[in-house]
Amino acid sequence: MTDPNFEHVIIDGSLLEGGGQILRNAVSLCVLAKKAVTIEKIRAGRPKPGLSPQHLTGLELAALISDAQLQGCIANSQQITFKPKCIKTGEFEGDAKTAGSVALLAQITVPILAFGQRASTLVLKGGTDASFAPPIDYLSEVTAHYYRKMGLYFDIEVLERGYYPQGGGTVKVVVQPVTSKLSPITLHEIGSISRVLGSSFVAGKVPIKVAEQMSAVAKRLLRNYLPECPININTFRAPDNRFRACHIKYFRRLSYWMCHLLYYTRVTSEA
């Protein structure tokens, strides 16, 4: 990455929904493309524009992995410049120190580490089931599924779940290096639903009957639309982790390409 023709790209972060996704994608892709990037108007489409703690942690972690020069990475900043040098491998840790989504921390870092020379391990701390972000189960059940079809492999282990507002969750992500050219995916048909799998769980002082009630309601509603389809939603109590929370998630397994769609609802509060 010492090429004198090393390009510098400027991206308008207010494009489309003007959220954090364009920030994460731009940083990951600039490392892989060996280009420096300046992102302006970061999260301009959000009620509170600029970088939040979760974005700061993701940028700092990506900079550590790519040995990048990072400018403008401060709270509420609406412009950063990211100049990567290489892709390092090994063990890395990122802590949002809030309920910031660990799934979004993985979004910015997993694609980078996949193009390293050796397997790497991420330990990510924050919210596993956070608002306005995919739950960690979405990454393990949906994102990882389609990454594997392209030839990119990573595994997620949830060590502890974390909820709003404190966070406190911890996950371990092991990313394997890509060994050949990625394969494209072509999906022209949605397929038929072959079964529905899910889980309903509570944490803290919320009684287990709440999980059972959510499971029963979900099954009844799903049965109205899928009368012949097997539906299995198990219930359990998650580790306490100082919070009260109740969650239900379920996904449909489709016959064509074994596609997954995850639907997720949650209600959380402090203990």
Protein backbone atom coordinates (compact mmCIF):
# COMPACT_ATOMS: atom_id res chain seq x y z
CA MET A 1 0.00 0.00 0.00
CA THR A 2 2.86 2.32 -0.74
CA ASP A 3 1.65 2.88 -4.28
CA PRO A 4 2.29 6.56 -5.21
CA ASN A 5 -1.00 6.48 -7.11
CA PHE A 6 -2.87 5.61 -3.94
CA GLU A 7 -6.28 7.16 -4.53
CA HIS A 8 -8.32 9.34 -2.20
CA VAL A 9 -12.11 9.08 -2.40
CA ILE A 10 -14.60 11.59 -0.99
CA ILE A 11 -18.03 10.26 -0.02
CA ASP A 12 -21.16 12.18 0.89
CA GLY A 13 -22.52 10.51 4.02
CA SER A 14 -25.93 12.11 3.59
CA LEU A 15 -26.75 9.94 0.56
CA LEU A 16 -29.78 7.65 0.69
CA GLU A 17 -30.94 7.29 4.30
CA GLY A 18 -27.95 9.30 5.56
CA GLY A 19 -27.17 6.82 8.35
CA GLY A 20 -24.17 4.92 9.64
CA GLN A 21 -24.25 2.13 7.06
CA ILE A 22 -22.54 4.19 4.38
CA LEU A 23 -19.79 4.99 6.90
CA ARG A 24 -19.17 1.33 7.74
CA ASN A 25 -19.27 0.18 4.12
CA ALA A 26 -16.99 2.98 2.91
CA VAL A 27 -14.32 2.28 5.52
CA SER A 28 -14.32 -1.50 4.94
CA LEU A 29 -14.19 -1.15 1.17
CA CYS A 30 -11.49 1.53 1.20
CA VAL A 31 -9.20 -0.87 3.06
CA LEU A 32 -9.85 -3.66 0.55
CA ALA A 33 -9.51 -1.30 -2.42
CA LYS A 34 -6.35 0.28 -1.00
CA LYS A 35 -7.81 3.76 -1.10
CA ALA A 36 -7.96 6.56 1.42
CA VAL A 37 -11.42 7.95 2.06
CA THR A 38 -12.93 11.13 3.45
CA ILE A 39 -16.55 10.83 4.50
CA GLU A 40 -18.49 14.07 4.89
CA LYS A 41 -21.92 14.83 6.37
CA ILE A 42 -21.82 11.66 8.48
CA ARG A 43 -25.27 10.51 9.61
CA ALA A 44 -26.80 13.73 8.32
CA GLY A 45 -30.16 11.99 8.04
CA ARG A 46 -30.35 11.13 11.74
CA PRO A 47 -31.93 13.22 14.55
CA LYS A 48 -28.45 13.47 16.13
CA PRO A 49 -25.96 13.66 13.24
CA GLY A 50 -22.31 12.72 13.59
CA LEU A 51 -20.44 9.92 15.30
CA SER A 52 -21.88 8.12 18.32
CA PRO A 53 -19.81 5.92 20.70
CA GLN A 54 -20.55 2.82 18.60
CA HIS A 55 -19.26 4.52 15.44
CA LEU A 56 -16.15 5.75 17.24
CA THR A 57 -15.37 2.24 18.47
CA GLY A 58 -15.90 0.73 15.02
CA LEU A 59 -13.66 3.30 13.34
CA GLU A 60 -10.92 2.92 15.93
CA LEU A 61 -11.05 -0.86 15.64
CA ALA A 62 -10.92 -0.72 11.82
CA ALA A 63 -7.99 1.70 12.05
CA LEU A 64 -6.15 -0.68 14.39
CA ILE A 65 -6.70 -3.63 12.06
CA SER A 66 -5.59 -1.71 8.95
CA ASP A 67 -2.87 0.37 10.64
CA ALA A 68 -4.70 3.41 9.31
CA GLN A 69 -4.29 7.11 9.88
CA LEU A 70 -7.62 8.29 11.26
CA GLN A 71 -8.60 11.93 11.50
CA GLY A 72 -11.78 13.49 12.89
CA CYS A 73 -12.75 10.50 15.02
CA ILE A 74 -14.36 12.37 17.92
CA ALA A 75 -17.87 12.37 19.35
CA ASN A 76 -20.46 14.04 17.09
CA SER A 77 -17.94 14.61 14.30
CA GLN A 78 -19.54 14.73 10.84
CA GLN A 79 -16.34 14.22 8.86
CA ILE A 80 -13.51 11.71 9.08
CA THR A 81 -10.53 10.79 6.93
CA PHE A 82 -9.32 7.19 6.90
CA LYS A 83 -5.99 6.20 5.28
CA PRO A 84 -5.30 2.45 5.55
CA LYS A 85 -1.86 0.89 5.19
CA CYS A 86 -2.26 -2.87 5.50
CA ILE A 87 -4.43 -5.62 6.99
CA LYS A 88 -3.18 -7.03 10.27
CA THR A 89 -4.37 -10.31 11.76
CA GLY A 90 -4.55 -11.64 15.30
CA GLU A 91 -6.79 -10.90 18.25
CA PHE A 92 -8.64 -7.59 18.53
CA GLU A 93 -11.09 -6.12 21.01
CA GLY A 94 -13.68 -3.39 20.61
CA ASP A 95 -15.80 -2.03 23.46
CA ALA A 96 -18.64 0.40 22.73
CA LYS A 97 -18.90 1.06 26.51
CA THR A 98 -22.64 1.55 25.92
CA ALA A 99 -25.45 -0.52 24.42
CA GLY A 100 -24.02 0.29 20.99
CA SER A 101 -24.52 -2.66 18.66
CA VAL A 102 -21.79 -5.30 18.53
CA ALA A 103 -23.36 -6.47 15.26
CA LEU A 104 -22.51 -3.12 13.69
CA LEU A 105 -18.96 -3.35 15.04
CA ALA A 106 -18.70 -6.68 13.25
CA GLN A 107 -20.09 -5.17 10.05
CA ILE A 108 -17.16 -2.82 9.67
CA THR A 109 -14.41 -5.24 10.73
CA VAL A 110 -15.30 -8.75 9.48
CA PRO A 111 -14.96 -7.90 5.74
CA ILE A 112 -11.50 -6.43 6.42
CA LEU A 113 -10.19 -9.36 8.46
CA ALA A 114 -11.49 -11.86 5.90
CA PHE A 115 -8.81 -10.61 3.52
CA GLY A 116 -5.98 -11.01 6.01
CA GLN A 117 -3.33 -13.71 5.73
CA ARG A 118 -4.48 -15.72 8.76
CA ALA A 119 -7.56 -16.29 10.89
CA SER A 120 -8.38 -13.55 13.38
CA THR A 121 -10.50 -13.24 16.50
CA LEU A 122 -12.65 -10.29 17.51
CA VAL A 123 -13.99 -9.78 21.02
CA LEU A 124 -16.77 -7.22 20.78
CA LYS A 125 -18.54 -5.65 23.75
CA GLY A 126 -21.75 -3.63 23.86
CA GLY A 127 -25.36 -4.39 22.99
CA THR A 128 -26.19 -7.73 21.42
CA ASP A 129 -29.88 -6.84 21.13
CA ALA A 130 -29.94 -3.11 20.51
CA SER A 131 -32.45 -0.69 19.04
CA PHE A 132 -32.11 0.42 15.40
CA ALA A 133 -29.57 -2.31 14.64
CA PRO A 134 -29.68 -5.98 13.65
CA PRO A 135 -29.48 -8.31 16.68
CA ILE A 136 -26.41 -10.50 16.90
CA ASP A 137 -28.58 -13.45 15.85
CA TYR A 138 -29.16 -11.75 12.50
CA LEU A 139 -25.42 -11.87 11.82
CA SER A 140 -25.10 -15.51 12.83
CA GLU A 141 -28.27 -16.74 11.09
CA VAL A 142 -28.57 -14.46 8.05
CA THR A 143 -25.39 -12.52 7.27
CA ALA A 144 -23.06 -15.48 7.88
CA HIS A 145 -25.30 -17.68 5.74
CA TYR A 146 -24.91 -15.50 2.66
CA TYR A 147 -21.25 -14.76 3.33
CA ARG A 148 -20.60 -18.50 3.27
CA LYS A 149 -22.27 -18.77 -0.13
CA MET A 150 -19.73 -16.23 -1.40
CA GLY A 151 -16.79 -18.03 0.20
CA LEU A 152 -16.31 -15.86 3.29
CA TYR A 153 -16.51 -17.62 6.66
CA PHE A 154 -16.92 -16.34 10.19
CA ASP A 155 -18.36 -17.82 13.39
CA ILE A 156 -20.04 -16.00 16.27
CA GLU A 157 -20.16 -17.12 19.90
CA VAL A 158 -22.39 -15.10 22.23
CA LEU A 159 -20.64 -15.08 25.61
CA GLU A 160 -23.10 -12.72 27.26
CA ARG A 161 -26.05 -10.74 25.97
CA GLY A 162 -26.24 -7.00 26.50
CA TYR A 163 -29.27 -4.73 26.43
CA TYR A 164 -30.18 -1.06 26.48
CA PRO A 165 -29.09 1.16 28.17
CA GLN A 166 -25.89 -0.25 29.75
CA GLY A 167 -24.87 -2.82 27.18
CA GLY A 168 -22.61 -5.34 28.88
CA GLY A 169 -22.79 -7.96 26.14
CA THR A 170 -19.76 -9.84 24.82
CA VAL A 171 -19.39 -11.86 21.64
CA LYS A 172 -16.42 -13.62 20.07
CA VAL A 173 -16.13 -13.61 16.29
CA VAL A 174 -13.61 -15.84 14.52
CA VAL A 175 -12.94 -14.76 10.94
CA GLN A 176 -11.29 -17.13 8.48
CA PRO A 177 -9.14 -15.78 5.63
CA VAL A 178 -10.61 -15.89 2.14
CA THR A 179 -8.73 -18.55 0.20
CA SER A 180 -10.07 -17.98 -3.31
CA LYS A 181 -12.01 -15.50 -5.40
CA LEU A 182 -15.43 -14.72 -3.94
CA SER A 183 -18.39 -16.28 -5.73
CA PRO A 184 -21.37 -14.16 -6.79
CA ILE A 185 -24.87 -14.98 -5.55
CA THR A 186 -27.87 -15.03 -7.85
CA LEU A 187 -31.31 -15.19 -6.25
CA HIS A 188 -34.23 -14.87 -8.64
CA GLU A 189 -36.87 -16.74 -6.62
CA ILE A 190 -37.93 -16.40 -3.00
CA GLY A 191 -38.89 -20.06 -2.72
CA SER A 192 -41.47 -21.66 -0.43
CA ILE A 193 -41.34 -21.64 3.37
CA SER A 194 -40.36 -25.08 4.65
CA ARG A 195 -40.27 -24.36 8.41
CA VAL A 196 -40.14 -21.59 10.99
CA LEU A 197 -37.60 -21.64 13.81
CA GLY A 198 -37.31 -19.16 16.64
CA SER A 199 -36.70 -18.44 20.29
CA SER A 200 -38.35 -16.36 22.96
CA PHE A 201 -36.35 -15.44 26.02
CA VAL A 202 -36.32 -13.28 29.11
CA ALA A 203 -33.54 -11.95 31.33
CA GLY A 204 -33.26 -10.51 34.82
CA LYS A 205 -36.45 -10.40 36.90
CA VAL A 206 -38.85 -10.88 34.01
CA PRO A 207 -40.73 -14.16 34.70
CA ILE A 208 -40.33 -17.02 32.25
CA LYS A 209 -44.09 -16.97 31.62
CA VAL A 210 -43.58 -13.77 29.61
CA ALA A 211 -41.37 -15.69 27.17
CA GLU A 212 -43.97 -18.46 27.04
CA GLN A 213 -46.74 -15.94 26.31
CA MET A 214 -44.74 -14.29 23.52
CA SER A 215 -44.01 -17.70 22.02
CA ALA A 216 -47.68 -18.69 22.13
CA VAL A 217 -48.82 -15.46 20.46
CA ALA A 218 -46.14 -15.73 17.76
CA LYS A 219 -47.14 -19.31 16.99
CA ARG A 220 -50.81 -18.38 16.78
CA LEU A 221 -50.17 -15.46 14.42
CA LEU A 222 -47.80 -17.46 12.24
CA ARG A 223 -50.23 -20.36 12.09
CA ASN A 224 -52.83 -18.07 10.53
CA TYR A 225 -50.56 -17.56 7.52
CA LEU A 226 -48.70 -20.87 7.52
CA PRO A 227 -51.22 -23.53 8.54
CA GLU A 228 -49.21 -26.48 7.18
CA CYS A 229 -45.71 -25.29 8.03
CA PRO A 230 -43.77 -26.70 11.04
CA ILE A 231 -43.25 -23.95 13.64
CA ASN A 232 -40.85 -24.34 16.54
CA ILE A 233 -40.25 -21.44 18.94
CA ASN A 234 -38.40 -22.47 22.10
CA THR A 235 -38.40 -20.46 25.32
CA PHE A 236 -35.60 -19.92 27.82
CA ARG A 237 -34.08 -17.58 30.39
CA ALA A 238 -30.93 -15.74 29.34
CA PRO A 239 -28.19 -14.98 31.91
CA ASP A 240 -29.22 -12.15 34.25
CA ASN A 241 -26.56 -9.58 33.27
CA ARG A 242 -28.16 -6.97 35.59
CA PHE A 243 -31.04 -6.24 33.23
CA ARG A 244 -34.69 -6.97 32.70
CA ALA A 245 -35.56 -7.83 29.14
CA CYS A 246 -37.82 -9.94 27.01
CA HIS A 247 -37.21 -10.81 23.38
CA ILE A 248 -38.66 -12.94 20.65
CA LYS A 249 -37.11 -13.71 17.32
CA TYR A 250 -38.00 -16.09 14.57
CA PHE A 251 -36.94 -16.75 11.01
CA ARG A 252 -38.37 -18.56 8.06
CA ARG A 253 -36.33 -21.20 6.33
CA LEU A 254 -37.02 -21.26 2.63
CA SER A 255 -36.59 -24.19 0.30
CA TYR A 256 -34.79 -22.20 -2.39
CA TRP A 257 -31.15 -21.59 -1.43
CA MET A 258 -32.18 -22.17 2.21
CA CYS A 259 -32.79 -18.42 2.55
CA HIS A 260 -33.39 -16.92 5.97
CA LEU A 261 -35.55 -14.01 7.03
CA LEU A 262 -35.41 -12.93 10.66
CA TYR A 263 -38.19 -11.07 12.39
CA TYR A 264 -37.47 -9.61 15.78
CA THR A 265 -39.33 -7.74 18.51
CA ARG A 266 -38.10 -6.62 21.90
CA VAL A 267 -39.06 -4.80 25.05
CA THR A 268 -36.33 -3.80 27.47
CA SER A 269 -35.96 -1.82 30.67
CA GLU A 270 -33.51 -1.31 33.49
CA ALA A 271 -33.65 -3.62 36.48
